[in-house]
Amino acid sequence: METLRKRIFYKATHRGLQETDKIIGGFAEQELNKLSLDHLCDFDKLLDVPDVDLLNWILGREDVPKSFDNEIFRLIVSFKESL
């Protein structure tokens, strides 16, 4: 699981858009060590989404596809609101 956490941390903090680096990377820095294996797997899948789509979903500009509308996504949105 530690290898998975390291890979996710890297993917979360090296996004491409400054906004997603701040939101996703900040979430990873604060919450990654607390996540269960299921949440880590969901987070890993979410990190494969292009930054533009991910940012639009997080900011509510576009509807989130059902396959990504899960607890980890809602935790990220809650984190964003705390910034």
N, C-alpha and C. Protein backbone atom coordinates (compact mmCIF):
# COMPACT_ATOMS: atom_id res chain seq x y z
N MET A 1 0.82 -1.19 0.00
CA MET A 1 0.00 0.00 0.00
C MET A 1 0.86 1.26 0.00
N GLU A 2 2.04 1.16 0.57
CA GLU A 2 2.92 2.34 0.61
C GLU A 2 3.35 2.76 -0.79
N THR A 3 3.60 1.79 -1.66
CA THR A 3 3.96 2.10 -3.05
C THR A 3 2.81 2.81 -3.74
N LEU A 4 1.60 2.34 -3.50
CA LEU A 4 0.41 2.97 -4.08
C LEU A 4 0.28 4.41 -3.58
N ARG A 5 0.47 4.62 -2.30
CA ARG A 5 0.40 5.99 -1.75
C ARG A 5 1.45 6.91 -2.38
N LYS A 6 2.65 6.41 -2.56
CA LYS A 6 3.71 7.23 -3.17
C LYS A 6 3.37 7.59 -4.61
N ARG A 7 2.85 6.62 -5.35
CA ARG A 7 2.47 6.87 -6.75
C ARG A 7 1.34 7.88 -6.82
N ILE A 8 0.35 7.72 -5.98
CA ILE A 8 -0.79 8.65 -5.95
C ILE A 8 -0.31 10.05 -5.55
N PHE A 9 0.56 10.13 -4.56
CA PHE A 9 1.06 11.44 -4.13
C PHE A 9 1.76 12.14 -5.29
N TYR A 10 2.58 11.42 -6.01
CA TYR A 10 3.27 12.02 -7.15
C TYR A 10 2.26 12.51 -8.20
N LYS A 11 1.31 11.65 -8.54
CA LYS A 11 0.30 12.02 -9.55
C LYS A 11 -0.54 13.22 -9.09
N ALA A 12 -0.80 13.30 -7.81
CA ALA A 12 -1.64 14.38 -7.26
C ALA A 12 -0.91 15.71 -7.20
N THR A 13 0.40 15.67 -7.06
CA THR A 13 1.15 16.91 -6.89
C THR A 13 1.87 17.37 -8.15
N HIS A 14 1.75 16.63 -9.22
CA HIS A 14 2.36 16.99 -10.51
C HIS A 14 1.29 16.93 -11.60
N ARG A 15 0.31 17.80 -11.49
CA ARG A 15 -0.85 17.73 -12.37
C ARG A 15 -0.64 18.42 -13.71
N GLY A 16 -0.37 19.68 -13.71
CA GLY A 16 -0.27 20.41 -14.97
C GLY A 16 -0.92 21.78 -14.87
N LEU A 17 -2.04 21.85 -14.22
CA LEU A 17 -2.70 23.13 -13.98
C LEU A 17 -2.45 23.53 -12.52
N GLN A 18 -2.13 24.78 -12.33
CA GLN A 18 -1.84 25.26 -10.98
C GLN A 18 -3.02 25.04 -10.04
N GLU A 19 -4.23 25.23 -10.56
CA GLU A 19 -5.43 25.08 -9.73
C GLU A 19 -5.60 23.64 -9.24
N THR A 20 -5.39 22.68 -10.14
CA THR A 20 -5.54 21.28 -9.72
C THR A 20 -4.38 20.85 -8.82
N ASP A 21 -3.19 21.39 -9.07
CA ASP A 21 -2.08 21.11 -8.16
C ASP A 21 -2.44 21.54 -6.74
N LYS A 22 -3.03 22.72 -6.62
CA LYS A 22 -3.36 23.24 -5.30
C LYS A 22 -4.47 22.41 -4.63
N ILE A 23 -5.51 22.11 -5.38
CA ILE A 23 -6.65 21.38 -4.80
C ILE A 23 -6.29 19.91 -4.58
N ILE A 24 -5.91 19.23 -5.65
CA ILE A 24 -5.65 17.79 -5.57
C ILE A 24 -4.39 17.52 -4.76
N GLY A 25 -3.33 18.29 -5.03
CA GLY A 25 -2.09 18.11 -4.28
C GLY A 25 -2.25 18.43 -2.81
N GLY A 26 -2.98 19.50 -2.52
CA GLY A 26 -3.23 19.86 -1.13
C GLY A 26 -4.04 18.80 -0.41
N PHE A 27 -5.04 18.25 -1.10
CA PHE A 27 -5.83 17.17 -0.52
C PHE A 27 -4.94 15.97 -0.23
N ALA A 28 -4.09 15.62 -1.18
CA ALA A 28 -3.20 14.47 -1.00
C ALA A 28 -2.26 14.69 0.18
N GLU A 29 -1.68 15.88 0.27
CA GLU A 29 -0.76 16.17 1.37
C GLU A 29 -1.45 16.03 2.73
N GLN A 30 -2.69 16.45 2.81
CA GLN A 30 -3.42 16.45 4.08
C GLN A 30 -4.07 15.11 4.40
N GLU A 31 -4.57 14.41 3.40
CA GLU A 31 -5.44 13.26 3.67
C GLU A 31 -4.92 11.89 3.23
N LEU A 32 -3.90 11.84 2.41
CA LEU A 32 -3.49 10.58 1.78
C LEU A 32 -3.22 9.47 2.78
N ASN A 33 -2.54 9.77 3.86
CA ASN A 33 -2.19 8.73 4.84
C ASN A 33 -3.39 8.22 5.62
N LYS A 34 -4.51 8.91 5.53
CA LYS A 34 -5.72 8.51 6.26
C LYS A 34 -6.66 7.64 5.41
N LEU A 35 -6.41 7.55 4.10
CA LEU A 35 -7.35 6.90 3.19
C LEU A 35 -7.24 5.38 3.24
N SER A 36 -8.40 4.74 3.13
CA SER A 36 -8.46 3.28 3.05
C SER A 36 -8.00 2.83 1.66
N LEU A 37 -7.80 1.54 1.51
CA LEU A 37 -7.40 1.00 0.22
C LEU A 37 -8.44 1.29 -0.85
N ASP A 38 -9.72 1.17 -0.52
CA ASP A 38 -10.78 1.47 -1.50
C ASP A 38 -10.72 2.93 -1.93
N HIS A 39 -10.53 3.83 -0.96
CA HIS A 39 -10.43 5.25 -1.30
C HIS A 39 -9.18 5.53 -2.13
N LEU A 40 -8.08 4.87 -1.80
CA LEU A 40 -6.86 5.05 -2.58
C LEU A 40 -7.07 4.62 -4.03
N CYS A 41 -7.74 3.51 -4.22
CA CYS A 41 -8.01 3.02 -5.59
C CYS A 41 -8.91 4.01 -6.35
N ASP A 42 -9.93 4.52 -5.68
CA ASP A 42 -10.81 5.50 -6.33
C ASP A 42 -10.05 6.78 -6.65
N PHE A 43 -9.20 7.22 -5.74
CA PHE A 43 -8.39 8.42 -5.94
C PHE A 43 -7.44 8.21 -7.13
N ASP A 44 -6.83 7.05 -7.20
CA ASP A 44 -5.91 6.74 -8.29
C ASP A 44 -6.62 6.82 -9.64
N LYS A 45 -7.81 6.27 -9.73
CA LYS A 45 -8.59 6.33 -10.97
C LYS A 45 -8.95 7.78 -11.32
N LEU A 46 -9.32 8.54 -10.31
CA LEU A 46 -9.68 9.94 -10.52
C LEU A 46 -8.50 10.74 -11.07
N LEU A 47 -7.31 10.40 -10.64
CA LEU A 47 -6.12 11.13 -11.07
C LEU A 47 -5.76 10.87 -12.53
N ASP A 48 -6.39 9.89 -13.15
CA ASP A 48 -6.17 9.64 -14.58
C ASP A 48 -7.03 10.54 -15.47
N VAL A 49 -7.95 11.27 -14.87
CA VAL A 49 -8.83 12.19 -15.60
C VAL A 49 -8.03 13.44 -15.97
N PRO A 50 -8.20 13.95 -17.19
CA PRO A 50 -7.51 15.20 -17.56
C PRO A 50 -7.86 16.34 -16.60
N ASP A 51 -6.88 17.20 -16.37
CA ASP A 51 -7.04 18.30 -15.42
C ASP A 51 -8.25 19.18 -15.70
N VAL A 52 -8.48 19.49 -16.95
CA VAL A 52 -9.59 20.39 -17.30
C VAL A 52 -10.92 19.78 -16.86
N ASP A 53 -11.12 18.51 -17.16
CA ASP A 53 -12.36 17.85 -16.75
C ASP A 53 -12.47 17.79 -15.23
N LEU A 54 -11.39 17.38 -14.60
CA LEU A 54 -11.39 17.25 -13.14
C LEU A 54 -11.69 18.59 -12.46
N LEU A 55 -11.06 19.63 -12.92
CA LEU A 55 -11.30 20.96 -12.34
C LEU A 55 -12.74 21.41 -12.57
N ASN A 56 -13.28 21.18 -13.75
CA ASN A 56 -14.67 21.55 -14.03
C ASN A 56 -15.64 20.79 -13.13
N TRP A 57 -15.36 19.55 -12.86
CA TRP A 57 -16.22 18.77 -11.96
C TRP A 57 -16.13 19.31 -10.53
N ILE A 58 -14.91 19.54 -10.07
CA ILE A 58 -14.70 20.00 -8.70
C ILE A 58 -15.35 21.37 -8.48
N LEU A 59 -15.25 22.23 -9.47
CA LEU A 59 -15.82 23.57 -9.35
C LEU A 59 -17.31 23.62 -9.68
N GLY A 60 -17.89 22.50 -10.08
CA GLY A 60 -19.32 22.43 -10.37
C GLY A 60 -19.70 23.01 -11.72
N ARG A 61 -18.75 23.18 -12.60
CA ARG A 61 -19.03 23.72 -13.93
C ARG A 61 -19.64 22.67 -14.85
N GLU A 62 -19.36 21.41 -14.57
CA GLU A 62 -19.90 20.29 -15.35
C GLU A 62 -20.35 19.21 -14.38
N ASP A 63 -21.31 18.41 -14.83
CA ASP A 63 -21.76 17.29 -14.01
C ASP A 63 -20.67 16.23 -13.93
N VAL A 64 -20.57 15.63 -12.77
CA VAL A 64 -19.59 14.56 -12.55
C VAL A 64 -20.18 13.26 -13.08
N PRO A 65 -19.46 12.54 -13.92
CA PRO A 65 -19.97 11.23 -14.38
C PRO A 65 -20.18 10.30 -13.19
N LYS A 66 -21.19 9.45 -13.28
CA LYS A 66 -21.52 8.55 -12.17
C LYS A 66 -20.33 7.71 -11.72
N SER A 67 -19.48 7.33 -12.66
CA SER A 67 -18.35 6.47 -12.31
C SER A 67 -17.33 7.18 -11.42
N PHE A 68 -17.38 8.51 -11.36
CA PHE A 68 -16.45 9.27 -10.52
C PHE A 68 -17.14 9.98 -9.37
N ASP A 69 -18.46 9.91 -9.32
CA ASP A 69 -19.20 10.57 -8.24
C ASP A 69 -19.25 9.63 -7.05
N ASN A 70 -18.19 9.68 -6.27
CA ASN A 70 -18.05 8.76 -5.15
C ASN A 70 -17.57 9.52 -3.91
N GLU A 71 -17.33 8.80 -2.86
CA GLU A 71 -16.96 9.44 -1.60
C GLU A 71 -15.64 10.20 -1.70
N ILE A 72 -14.66 9.64 -2.39
CA ILE A 72 -13.37 10.34 -2.49
C ILE A 72 -13.53 11.66 -3.24
N PHE A 73 -14.36 11.67 -4.28
CA PHE A 73 -14.59 12.91 -5.01
C PHE A 73 -15.25 13.94 -4.09
N ARG A 74 -16.22 13.51 -3.32
CA ARG A 74 -16.90 14.44 -2.41
C ARG A 74 -15.95 14.95 -1.31
N LEU A 75 -15.02 14.12 -0.88
CA LEU A 75 -14.01 14.58 0.08
C LEU A 75 -13.12 15.66 -0.53
N ILE A 76 -12.77 15.51 -1.79
CA ILE A 76 -11.94 16.50 -2.48
C ILE A 76 -12.71 17.81 -2.62
N VAL A 77 -13.98 17.72 -2.97
CA VAL A 77 -14.79 18.93 -3.09
C VAL A 77 -14.90 19.64 -1.73
N SER A 78 -15.09 18.86 -0.67
CA SER A 78 -15.14 19.46 0.68
C SER A 78 -13.81 20.12 1.03
N PHE A 79 -12.73 19.48 0.67
CA PHE A 79 -11.41 20.06 0.91
C PHE A 79 -11.27 21.39 0.16
N LYS A 80 -11.71 21.41 -1.08
CA LYS A 80 -11.63 22.63 -1.90
C LYS A 80 -12.38 23.76 -1.24
N GLU A 81 -13.53 23.46 -0.65
CA GLU A 81 -14.34 24.50 -0.01
C GLU A 81 -13.67 25.07 1.25
N SER A 82 -12.74 24.31 1.81
CA SER A 82 -12.05 24.78 3.01
C SER A 82 -10.83 25.65 2.68
N LEU A 83 -10.48 25.75 1.41
CA LEU A 83 -9.30 26.55 1.02
C LEU A 83 -9.60 28.03 1.10
